[in-house]
Amino acid sequence: MMHRFVQHLFYFPWRLRQCFPRPVLDAIEHEITVAEGHHRGEIRFVIEANLDLLQLVRGTTARTRALELFSELHVWDTEENSGVLVYLLLAERRVEIVADRGINTKVRPESWADVCRHMSQAFQRGQFETGALQGIREIDAQLTVHFPTTGDRANELPNQPLVLG
């Protein structure tokens, strides 16, 4: 427990910028834009440096925080219930994927767990750009199979990664 507090309280925001500089964030945005041309899903990518003291005291996990952000960012509010949130809690190198109910009826939870594991492995090696882009490509592959594009459609969620902290 104490280790987790220290891990978060001493994970400074400059470390996030070091792992995800502007060119990497631009590459993530580009990859999401390309991916969303293949399917009707909407991908939202969120990177959070660390949790604050109150969240830690409450016992907030990466999964809990991902669910909170899924709601707060209205990822659930797409026309076809086809939103996917990719959440990275950088202090723990934890990746969580939360998919809307329209997607969850078609994509097995094990598929999302595989994507999270691949991304986490890359992040553990310090390969942040590679891990993020590979994860988006794997999500793209799932959505392309289950939600193929049907022509022009509106982009309902921002493609630019959201950086918190």
N, C-alpha and C. Protein backbone atom coordinates (compact mmCIF):
# COMPACT_ATOMS: atom_id res chain seq x y z
N MET A 1 0.83 -1.20 0.00
CA MET A 1 0.00 0.00 0.00
C MET A 1 0.88 1.26 0.00
N MET A 2 1.85 1.31 0.89
CA MET A 2 2.72 2.47 0.98
C MET A 2 3.50 2.65 -0.31
N HIS A 3 3.91 1.54 -0.91
CA HIS A 3 4.64 1.60 -2.17
C HIS A 3 3.81 2.32 -3.24
N ARG A 4 2.53 2.03 -3.28
CA ARG A 4 1.64 2.66 -4.28
C ARG A 4 1.55 4.17 -4.04
N PHE A 5 1.44 4.58 -2.79
CA PHE A 5 1.40 6.01 -2.47
C PHE A 5 2.66 6.70 -2.96
N VAL A 6 3.81 6.13 -2.63
CA VAL A 6 5.09 6.72 -3.04
C VAL A 6 5.19 6.75 -4.56
N GLN A 7 4.79 5.65 -5.19
CA GLN A 7 4.84 5.54 -6.65
C GLN A 7 4.08 6.69 -7.32
N HIS A 8 2.92 7.02 -6.79
CA HIS A 8 2.10 8.08 -7.37
C HIS A 8 2.53 9.47 -6.95
N LEU A 9 2.81 9.65 -5.68
CA LEU A 9 3.12 10.98 -5.17
C LEU A 9 4.44 11.52 -5.72
N PHE A 10 5.34 10.63 -6.11
CA PHE A 10 6.62 11.07 -6.64
C PHE A 10 6.74 10.85 -8.15
N TYR A 11 5.60 10.64 -8.80
CA TYR A 11 5.61 10.53 -10.26
C TYR A 11 5.24 11.92 -10.79
N PHE A 12 6.23 12.67 -11.17
CA PHE A 12 6.03 14.07 -11.53
C PHE A 12 5.59 14.21 -12.98
N PRO A 13 4.79 15.25 -13.27
CA PRO A 13 4.25 15.45 -14.63
C PRO A 13 5.31 15.54 -15.73
N TRP A 14 6.49 16.03 -15.40
CA TRP A 14 7.52 16.12 -16.44
C TRP A 14 7.89 14.74 -16.97
N ARG A 15 7.69 13.69 -16.16
CA ARG A 15 7.98 12.33 -16.62
C ARG A 15 6.99 11.91 -17.70
N LEU A 16 5.75 12.36 -17.58
CA LEU A 16 4.75 12.06 -18.61
C LEU A 16 5.18 12.71 -19.93
N ARG A 17 5.60 13.95 -19.87
CA ARG A 17 6.03 14.65 -21.09
C ARG A 17 7.28 14.02 -21.68
N GLN A 18 8.08 13.42 -20.83
CA GLN A 18 9.28 12.74 -21.30
C GLN A 18 8.91 11.45 -22.05
N CYS A 19 7.93 10.74 -21.55
CA CYS A 19 7.48 9.49 -22.19
C CYS A 19 6.61 9.74 -23.41
N PHE A 20 5.82 10.81 -23.36
CA PHE A 20 4.88 11.13 -24.43
C PHE A 20 5.07 12.57 -24.88
N PRO A 21 6.19 12.87 -25.55
CA PRO A 21 6.40 14.23 -26.06
C PRO A 21 5.40 14.52 -27.19
N ARG A 22 5.31 15.77 -27.57
CA ARG A 22 4.35 16.21 -28.59
C ARG A 22 4.38 15.33 -29.85
N PRO A 23 5.55 14.98 -30.42
CA PRO A 23 5.53 14.13 -31.63
C PRO A 23 4.86 12.77 -31.41
N VAL A 24 5.00 12.21 -30.23
CA VAL A 24 4.36 10.92 -29.94
C VAL A 24 2.85 11.12 -29.82
N LEU A 25 2.42 12.17 -29.16
CA LEU A 25 0.99 12.47 -29.06
C LEU A 25 0.40 12.70 -30.44
N ASP A 26 1.14 13.40 -31.31
CA ASP A 26 0.68 13.62 -32.68
C ASP A 26 0.57 12.30 -33.44
N ALA A 27 1.51 11.39 -33.23
CA ALA A 27 1.48 10.08 -33.90
C ALA A 27 0.27 9.27 -33.43
N ILE A 28 -0.05 9.35 -32.14
CA ILE A 28 -1.23 8.66 -31.61
C ILE A 28 -2.49 9.22 -32.24
N GLU A 29 -2.59 10.54 -32.30
CA GLU A 29 -3.76 11.17 -32.92
C GLU A 29 -3.90 10.74 -34.38
N HIS A 30 -2.80 10.73 -35.09
CA HIS A 30 -2.82 10.31 -36.50
C HIS A 30 -3.28 8.86 -36.63
N GLU A 31 -2.76 7.98 -35.77
CA GLU A 31 -3.12 6.56 -35.84
C GLU A 31 -4.60 6.36 -35.55
N ILE A 32 -5.15 7.10 -34.61
CA ILE A 32 -6.57 7.00 -34.30
C ILE A 32 -7.39 7.48 -35.50
N THR A 33 -6.97 8.57 -36.11
CA THR A 33 -7.69 9.11 -37.27
C THR A 33 -7.70 8.09 -38.41
N VAL A 34 -6.56 7.49 -38.68
CA VAL A 34 -6.47 6.46 -39.72
C VAL A 34 -7.36 5.27 -39.37
N ALA A 35 -7.25 4.80 -38.12
CA ALA A 35 -8.02 3.64 -37.68
C ALA A 35 -9.52 3.88 -37.82
N GLU A 36 -9.98 5.05 -37.44
CA GLU A 36 -11.42 5.32 -37.48
C GLU A 36 -11.96 5.41 -38.90
N GLY A 37 -11.07 5.45 -39.88
CA GLY A 37 -11.50 5.37 -41.27
C GLY A 37 -11.85 3.95 -41.69
N HIS A 38 -11.48 2.96 -40.87
CA HIS A 38 -11.71 1.55 -41.20
C HIS A 38 -12.97 0.98 -40.57
N HIS A 39 -13.55 1.67 -39.61
CA HIS A 39 -14.68 1.11 -38.85
C HIS A 39 -15.57 2.23 -38.33
N ARG A 40 -16.67 1.83 -37.66
CA ARG A 40 -17.62 2.80 -37.12
C ARG A 40 -17.38 3.06 -35.63
N GLY A 41 -16.31 2.54 -35.10
CA GLY A 41 -15.98 2.76 -33.69
C GLY A 41 -15.35 4.12 -33.48
N GLU A 42 -15.31 4.52 -32.21
CA GLU A 42 -14.68 5.77 -31.79
C GLU A 42 -13.68 5.43 -30.70
N ILE A 43 -12.44 5.83 -30.90
CA ILE A 43 -11.38 5.54 -29.94
C ILE A 43 -10.98 6.83 -29.22
N ARG A 44 -10.94 6.75 -27.90
CA ARG A 44 -10.49 7.88 -27.07
C ARG A 44 -9.31 7.39 -26.25
N PHE A 45 -8.19 8.09 -26.33
CA PHE A 45 -6.94 7.69 -25.68
C PHE A 45 -6.62 8.69 -24.58
N VAL A 46 -6.48 8.20 -23.35
CA VAL A 46 -6.22 9.07 -22.20
C VAL A 46 -4.97 8.58 -21.47
N ILE A 47 -4.07 9.52 -21.19
CA ILE A 47 -2.85 9.22 -20.45
C ILE A 47 -2.89 10.06 -19.17
N GLU A 48 -2.77 9.40 -18.04
CA GLU A 48 -2.75 10.11 -16.76
C GLU A 48 -1.44 9.79 -16.05
N ALA A 49 -0.77 10.84 -15.60
CA ALA A 49 0.53 10.65 -14.95
C ALA A 49 0.39 9.84 -13.68
N ASN A 50 -0.50 10.26 -12.81
CA ASN A 50 -0.64 9.62 -11.50
C ASN A 50 -1.99 9.99 -10.90
N LEU A 51 -2.33 9.29 -9.85
CA LEU A 51 -3.54 9.61 -9.10
C LEU A 51 -3.17 10.55 -7.96
N ASP A 52 -4.14 11.36 -7.55
CA ASP A 52 -3.86 12.27 -6.44
C ASP A 52 -4.07 11.55 -5.10
N LEU A 53 -3.73 12.23 -4.03
CA LEU A 53 -3.77 11.61 -2.70
C LEU A 53 -5.17 11.12 -2.35
N LEU A 54 -6.18 11.91 -2.63
CA LEU A 54 -7.56 11.51 -2.31
C LEU A 54 -7.95 10.24 -3.05
N GLN A 55 -7.60 10.16 -4.33
CA GLN A 55 -7.90 8.95 -5.10
C GLN A 55 -7.19 7.74 -4.52
N LEU A 56 -5.95 7.94 -4.09
CA LEU A 56 -5.19 6.83 -3.50
C LEU A 56 -5.80 6.38 -2.18
N VAL A 57 -6.20 7.34 -1.34
CA VAL A 57 -6.82 7.00 -0.06
C VAL A 57 -8.12 6.24 -0.28
N ARG A 58 -8.87 6.64 -1.30
CA ARG A 58 -10.13 5.96 -1.62
C ARG A 58 -9.90 4.57 -2.19
N GLY A 59 -8.69 4.28 -2.59
CA GLY A 59 -8.40 2.97 -3.19
C GLY A 59 -8.73 2.90 -4.67
N THR A 60 -8.75 4.04 -5.33
CA THR A 60 -9.05 4.07 -6.76
C THR A 60 -8.02 3.25 -7.53
N THR A 61 -8.50 2.34 -8.34
CA THR A 61 -7.63 1.52 -9.18
C THR A 61 -7.60 2.11 -10.59
N ALA A 62 -6.71 1.61 -11.41
CA ALA A 62 -6.67 2.05 -12.81
C ALA A 62 -7.99 1.73 -13.49
N ARG A 63 -8.57 0.58 -13.19
CA ARG A 63 -9.84 0.19 -13.80
C ARG A 63 -10.96 1.14 -13.37
N THR A 64 -11.02 1.45 -12.08
CA THR A 64 -12.03 2.37 -11.56
C THR A 64 -11.89 3.73 -12.22
N ARG A 65 -10.67 4.21 -12.33
CA ARG A 65 -10.42 5.52 -12.94
C ARG A 65 -10.81 5.49 -14.41
N ALA A 66 -10.51 4.41 -15.11
CA ALA A 66 -10.89 4.29 -16.52
C ALA A 66 -12.41 4.35 -16.67
N LEU A 67 -13.12 3.67 -15.78
CA LEU A 67 -14.59 3.71 -15.85
C LEU A 67 -15.12 5.11 -15.58
N GLU A 68 -14.50 5.82 -14.62
CA GLU A 68 -14.90 7.20 -14.35
C GLU A 68 -14.72 8.07 -15.59
N LEU A 69 -13.57 7.95 -16.23
CA LEU A 69 -13.29 8.77 -17.41
C LEU A 69 -14.17 8.38 -18.59
N PHE A 70 -14.48 7.11 -18.71
CA PHE A 70 -15.39 6.64 -19.76
C PHE A 70 -16.71 7.40 -19.66
N SER A 71 -17.18 7.58 -18.43
CA SER A 71 -18.42 8.31 -18.19
C SER A 71 -18.23 9.82 -18.38
N GLU A 72 -17.22 10.38 -17.70
CA GLU A 72 -16.99 11.82 -17.74
C GLU A 72 -16.75 12.35 -19.16
N LEU A 73 -16.07 11.58 -19.98
CA LEU A 73 -15.74 12.01 -21.34
C LEU A 73 -16.80 11.62 -22.36
N HIS A 74 -17.89 11.02 -21.89
CA HIS A 74 -19.02 10.63 -22.73
C HIS A 74 -18.63 9.66 -23.84
N VAL A 75 -17.68 8.79 -23.56
CA VAL A 75 -17.29 7.79 -24.54
C VAL A 75 -18.46 6.84 -24.80
N TRP A 76 -19.33 6.69 -23.82
CA TRP A 76 -20.52 5.85 -23.92
C TRP A 76 -21.61 6.46 -24.79
N ASP A 77 -21.46 7.71 -25.16
CA ASP A 77 -22.53 8.46 -25.80
C ASP A 77 -22.39 8.56 -27.32
N THR A 78 -21.86 7.53 -27.95
CA THR A 78 -21.77 7.56 -29.41
C THR A 78 -23.05 6.97 -30.00
N GLU A 79 -23.34 7.34 -31.22
CA GLU A 79 -24.61 6.96 -31.85
C GLU A 79 -24.82 5.45 -31.88
N GLU A 80 -23.75 4.71 -32.15
CA GLU A 80 -23.89 3.25 -32.26
C GLU A 80 -23.36 2.50 -31.03
N ASN A 81 -23.18 3.22 -29.92
CA ASN A 81 -22.61 2.61 -28.71
C ASN A 81 -21.31 1.89 -29.05
N SER A 82 -20.46 2.59 -29.77
CA SER A 82 -19.23 1.97 -30.28
C SER A 82 -17.98 2.73 -29.84
N GLY A 83 -18.02 3.29 -28.64
CA GLY A 83 -16.86 4.00 -28.11
C GLY A 83 -15.92 3.07 -27.37
N VAL A 84 -14.63 3.35 -27.49
CA VAL A 84 -13.60 2.59 -26.77
C VAL A 84 -12.67 3.59 -26.11
N LEU A 85 -12.49 3.43 -24.80
CA LEU A 85 -11.53 4.25 -24.06
C LEU A 85 -10.29 3.42 -23.80
N VAL A 86 -9.14 3.99 -24.17
CA VAL A 86 -7.85 3.40 -23.81
C VAL A 86 -7.28 4.32 -22.74
N TYR A 87 -7.04 3.75 -21.57
CA TYR A 87 -6.57 4.54 -20.42
C TYR A 87 -5.22 3.99 -19.97
N LEU A 88 -4.25 4.90 -19.85
CA LEU A 88 -2.93 4.55 -19.36
C LEU A 88 -2.66 5.33 -18.08
N LEU A 89 -2.45 4.61 -16.98
CA LEU A 89 -2.04 5.21 -15.72
C LEU A 89 -0.52 5.03 -15.65
N LEU A 90 0.17 6.08 -16.02
CA LEU A 90 1.61 5.99 -16.25
C LEU A 90 2.41 5.62 -15.00
N ALA A 91 2.03 6.11 -13.84
CA ALA A 91 2.78 5.80 -12.62
C ALA A 91 2.86 4.30 -12.37
N GLU A 92 1.83 3.58 -12.81
CA GLU A 92 1.79 2.12 -12.62
C GLU A 92 2.02 1.35 -13.91
N ARG A 93 2.13 2.07 -15.02
CA ARG A 93 2.24 1.44 -16.34
C ARG A 93 1.06 0.48 -16.58
N ARG A 94 -0.11 0.87 -16.06
CA ARG A 94 -1.33 0.06 -16.21
C ARG A 94 -2.15 0.59 -17.37
N VAL A 95 -2.61 -0.33 -18.19
CA VAL A 95 -3.47 0.00 -19.32
C VAL A 95 -4.82 -0.65 -19.09
N GLU A 96 -5.86 0.12 -19.31
CA GLU A 96 -7.23 -0.39 -19.21
C GLU A 96 -7.98 0.00 -20.48
N ILE A 97 -8.80 -0.89 -20.96
CA ILE A 97 -9.67 -0.60 -22.09
C ILE A 97 -11.10 -0.79 -21.64
N VAL A 98 -11.91 0.24 -21.88
CA VAL A 98 -13.33 0.18 -21.56
C VAL A 98 -14.07 0.38 -22.87
N ALA A 99 -14.89 -0.59 -23.23
CA ALA A 99 -15.65 -0.51 -24.48
C ALA A 99 -17.13 -0.39 -24.18
N ASP A 100 -17.82 0.30 -25.05
CA ASP A 100 -19.26 0.50 -24.89
C ASP A 100 -20.00 -0.81 -25.14
N ARG A 101 -21.25 -0.84 -24.73
CA ARG A 101 -22.05 -2.06 -24.79
C ARG A 101 -22.22 -2.60 -26.21
N GLY A 102 -22.26 -1.74 -27.21
CA GLY A 102 -22.39 -2.22 -28.59
C GLY A 102 -21.19 -3.04 -29.02
N ILE A 103 -20.04 -2.68 -28.53
CA ILE A 103 -18.81 -3.41 -28.85
C ILE A 103 -18.67 -4.64 -27.98
N ASN A 104 -19.02 -4.52 -26.71
CA ASN A 104 -18.87 -5.64 -25.79
C ASN A 104 -19.73 -6.84 -26.16
N THR A 105 -20.77 -6.64 -26.94
CA THR A 105 -21.58 -7.77 -27.38
C THR A 105 -20.85 -8.57 -28.46
N LYS A 106 -19.81 -8.00 -29.05
CA LYS A 106 -19.12 -8.66 -30.16
C LYS A 106 -17.66 -9.01 -29.89
N VAL A 107 -16.99 -8.23 -29.06
CA VAL A 107 -15.57 -8.44 -28.81
C VAL A 107 -15.41 -9.06 -27.41
N ARG A 108 -14.69 -10.18 -27.36
CA ARG A 108 -14.48 -10.89 -26.10
C ARG A 108 -13.58 -10.08 -25.16
N PRO A 109 -13.83 -10.13 -23.87
CA PRO A 109 -12.97 -9.43 -22.91
C PRO A 109 -11.50 -9.87 -23.01
N GLU A 110 -11.27 -11.12 -23.38
CA GLU A 110 -9.90 -11.62 -23.52
C GLU A 110 -9.15 -10.86 -24.62
N SER A 111 -9.86 -10.43 -25.64
CA SER A 111 -9.23 -9.66 -26.72
C SER A 111 -8.70 -8.34 -26.19
N TRP A 112 -9.50 -7.67 -25.34
CA TRP A 112 -9.04 -6.41 -24.76
C TRP A 112 -7.89 -6.66 -23.80
N ALA A 113 -7.95 -7.75 -23.05
CA ALA A 113 -6.87 -8.08 -22.11
C ALA A 113 -5.56 -8.30 -22.87
N ASP A 114 -5.64 -8.93 -24.04
CA ASP A 114 -4.45 -9.14 -24.86
C ASP A 114 -3.85 -7.81 -25.31
N VAL A 115 -4.70 -6.89 -25.75
CA VAL A 115 -4.23 -5.57 -26.18
C VAL A 115 -3.55 -4.86 -25.01
N CYS A 116 -4.19 -4.88 -23.86
CA CYS A 116 -3.61 -4.24 -22.66
C CYS A 116 -2.27 -4.85 -22.31
N ARG A 117 -2.17 -6.16 -22.38
CA ARG A 117 -0.92 -6.83 -22.05
C ARG A 117 0.20 -6.44 -23.02
N HIS A 118 -0.11 -6.41 -24.32
CA HIS A 118 0.90 -6.03 -25.32
C HIS A 118 1.37 -4.60 -25.11
N MET A 119 0.43 -3.70 -24.84
CA MET A 119 0.80 -2.31 -24.60
C MET A 119 1.65 -2.19 -23.33
N SER A 120 1.23 -2.85 -22.26
CA SER A 120 1.96 -2.79 -20.99
C SER A 120 3.38 -3.31 -21.15
N GLN A 121 3.54 -4.38 -21.90
CA GLN A 121 4.88 -4.94 -22.12
C GLN A 121 5.78 -3.93 -22.82
N ALA A 122 5.26 -3.26 -23.82
CA ALA A 122 6.04 -2.25 -24.53
C ALA A 122 6.37 -1.09 -23.59
N PHE A 123 5.40 -0.65 -22.79
CA PHE A 123 5.64 0.45 -21.86
C PHE A 123 6.68 0.08 -20.81
N GLN A 124 6.66 -1.17 -20.34
CA GLN A 124 7.66 -1.62 -19.36
C GLN A 124 9.06 -1.54 -19.95
N ARG A 125 9.18 -1.71 -21.27
CA ARG A 125 10.47 -1.62 -21.95
C ARG A 125 10.81 -0.17 -22.32
N GLY A 126 9.92 0.78 -21.98
CA GLY A 126 10.16 2.18 -22.30
C GLY A 126 9.78 2.54 -23.73
N GLN A 127 9.07 1.66 -24.42
CA GLN A 127 8.68 1.88 -25.81
C GLN A 127 7.25 2.42 -25.85
N PHE A 128 7.11 3.69 -25.49
CA PHE A 128 5.78 4.27 -25.33
C PHE A 128 5.07 4.50 -26.66
N GLU A 129 5.76 5.05 -27.62
CA GLU A 129 5.14 5.26 -28.93
C GLU A 129 4.77 3.93 -29.57
N THR A 130 5.70 3.00 -29.58
CA THR A 130 5.46 1.69 -30.18
C THR A 130 4.27 1.01 -29.52
N GLY A 131 4.23 1.01 -28.19
CA GLY A 131 3.14 0.36 -27.47
C GLY A 131 1.79 1.00 -27.75
N ALA A 132 1.75 2.32 -27.75
CA ALA A 132 0.49 3.03 -27.99
C ALA A 132 -0.02 2.76 -29.41
N LEU A 133 0.86 2.88 -30.38
CA LEU A 133 0.44 2.69 -31.77
C LEU A 133 0.04 1.25 -32.05
N GLN A 134 0.78 0.29 -31.49
CA GLN A 134 0.42 -1.11 -31.66
C GLN A 134 -0.94 -1.40 -31.03
N GLY A 135 -1.18 -0.84 -29.85
CA GLY A 135 -2.48 -1.02 -29.20
C GLY A 135 -3.62 -0.48 -30.04
N ILE A 136 -3.43 0.70 -30.61
CA ILE A 136 -4.48 1.28 -31.46
C ILE A 136 -4.70 0.41 -32.68
N ARG A 137 -3.64 -0.14 -33.24
CA ARG A 137 -3.79 -1.02 -34.42
C ARG A 137 -4.55 -2.30 -34.05
N GLU A 138 -4.29 -2.84 -32.87
CA GLU A 138 -5.00 -4.04 -32.45
C GLU A 138 -6.48 -3.75 -32.20
N ILE A 139 -6.77 -2.60 -31.62
CA ILE A 139 -8.17 -2.20 -31.43
C ILE A 139 -8.83 -1.99 -32.79
N ASP A 140 -8.11 -1.34 -33.69
CA ASP A 140 -8.60 -1.12 -35.05
C ASP A 140 -8.98 -2.45 -35.70
N ALA A 141 -8.13 -3.45 -35.55
CA ALA A 141 -8.40 -4.75 -36.17
C ALA A 141 -9.70 -5.36 -35.63
N GLN A 142 -9.91 -5.26 -34.32
CA GLN A 142 -11.15 -5.78 -33.72
C GLN A 142 -12.37 -5.02 -34.23
N LEU A 143 -12.27 -3.70 -34.24
CA LEU A 143 -13.42 -2.89 -34.65
C LEU A 143 -13.70 -3.03 -36.15
N THR A 144 -12.67 -3.20 -36.94
CA THR A 144 -12.86 -3.37 -38.38
C THR A 144 -13.65 -4.63 -38.67
N VAL A 145 -13.39 -5.69 -37.91
CA VAL A 145 -14.12 -6.95 -38.09
C VAL A 145 -15.58 -6.80 -37.66
N HIS A 146 -15.80 -6.19 -36.50
CA HIS A 146 -17.14 -6.17 -35.91
C HIS A 146 -17.97 -4.92 -36.22
N PHE A 147 -17.31 -3.83 -36.60
CA PHE A 147 -18.00 -2.58 -36.92
C PHE A 147 -17.42 -1.95 -38.18
N PRO A 148 -17.43 -2.69 -39.30
CA PRO A 148 -16.82 -2.14 -40.52
C PRO A 148 -17.51 -0.84 -40.93
N THR A 149 -16.75 -0.01 -41.60
CA THR A 149 -17.28 1.28 -42.04
C THR A 149 -18.39 1.06 -43.06
N THR A 150 -19.35 1.97 -43.07
CA THR A 150 -20.46 1.91 -44.01
C THR A 150 -20.56 3.21 -44.80
N GLY A 151 -19.46 3.92 -44.91
CA GLY A 151 -19.47 5.18 -45.65
C GLY A 151 -19.16 6.34 -44.73
N ASP A 152 -19.51 7.54 -45.17
CA ASP A 152 -19.22 8.74 -44.39
C ASP A 152 -19.97 8.74 -43.06
N ARG A 153 -19.27 9.22 -42.06
CA ARG A 153 -19.89 9.35 -40.74
C ARG A 153 -19.18 10.46 -39.98
N ALA A 154 -19.85 10.97 -38.98
CA ALA A 154 -19.26 12.04 -38.17
C ALA A 154 -18.25 11.47 -37.19
N ASN A 155 -17.22 12.25 -36.91
CA ASN A 155 -16.26 11.90 -35.87
C ASN A 155 -16.85 12.40 -34.55
N GLU A 156 -17.26 11.50 -33.69
CA GLU A 156 -18.00 11.87 -32.49
C GLU A 156 -17.13 12.18 -31.28
N LEU A 157 -15.91 11.66 -31.24
CA LEU A 157 -15.01 11.90 -30.11
C LEU A 157 -13.69 12.45 -30.62
N PRO A 158 -13.02 13.28 -29.84
CA PRO A 158 -11.73 13.81 -30.27
C PRO A 158 -10.71 12.70 -30.49
N ASN A 159 -9.91 12.83 -31.52
CA ASN A 159 -8.85 11.86 -31.79
C ASN A 159 -7.56 12.20 -31.05
N GLN A 160 -7.43 13.43 -30.62
CA GLN A 160 -6.24 13.86 -29.91
C GLN A 160 -6.21 13.22 -28.52
N PRO A 161 -5.07 12.63 -28.15
CA PRO A 161 -4.98 12.04 -26.81
C PRO A 161 -5.20 13.11 -25.73
N LEU A 162 -5.86 12.69 -24.67
CA LEU A 162 -6.06 13.58 -23.52
C LEU A 162 -4.98 13.26 -22.50
N VAL A 163 -4.24 14.27 -22.09
CA VAL A 163 -3.16 14.12 -21.13
C VAL A 163 -3.58 14.75 -19.82
N LEU A 164 -3.58 13.96 -18.76
CA LEU A 164 -3.97 14.43 -17.43
C LEU A 164 -2.77 14.34 -16.51
N GLY A 165 -2.45 15.46 -15.87
CA GLY A 165 -1.38 15.44 -14.88
C GLY A 165 -0.09 16.01 -15.32
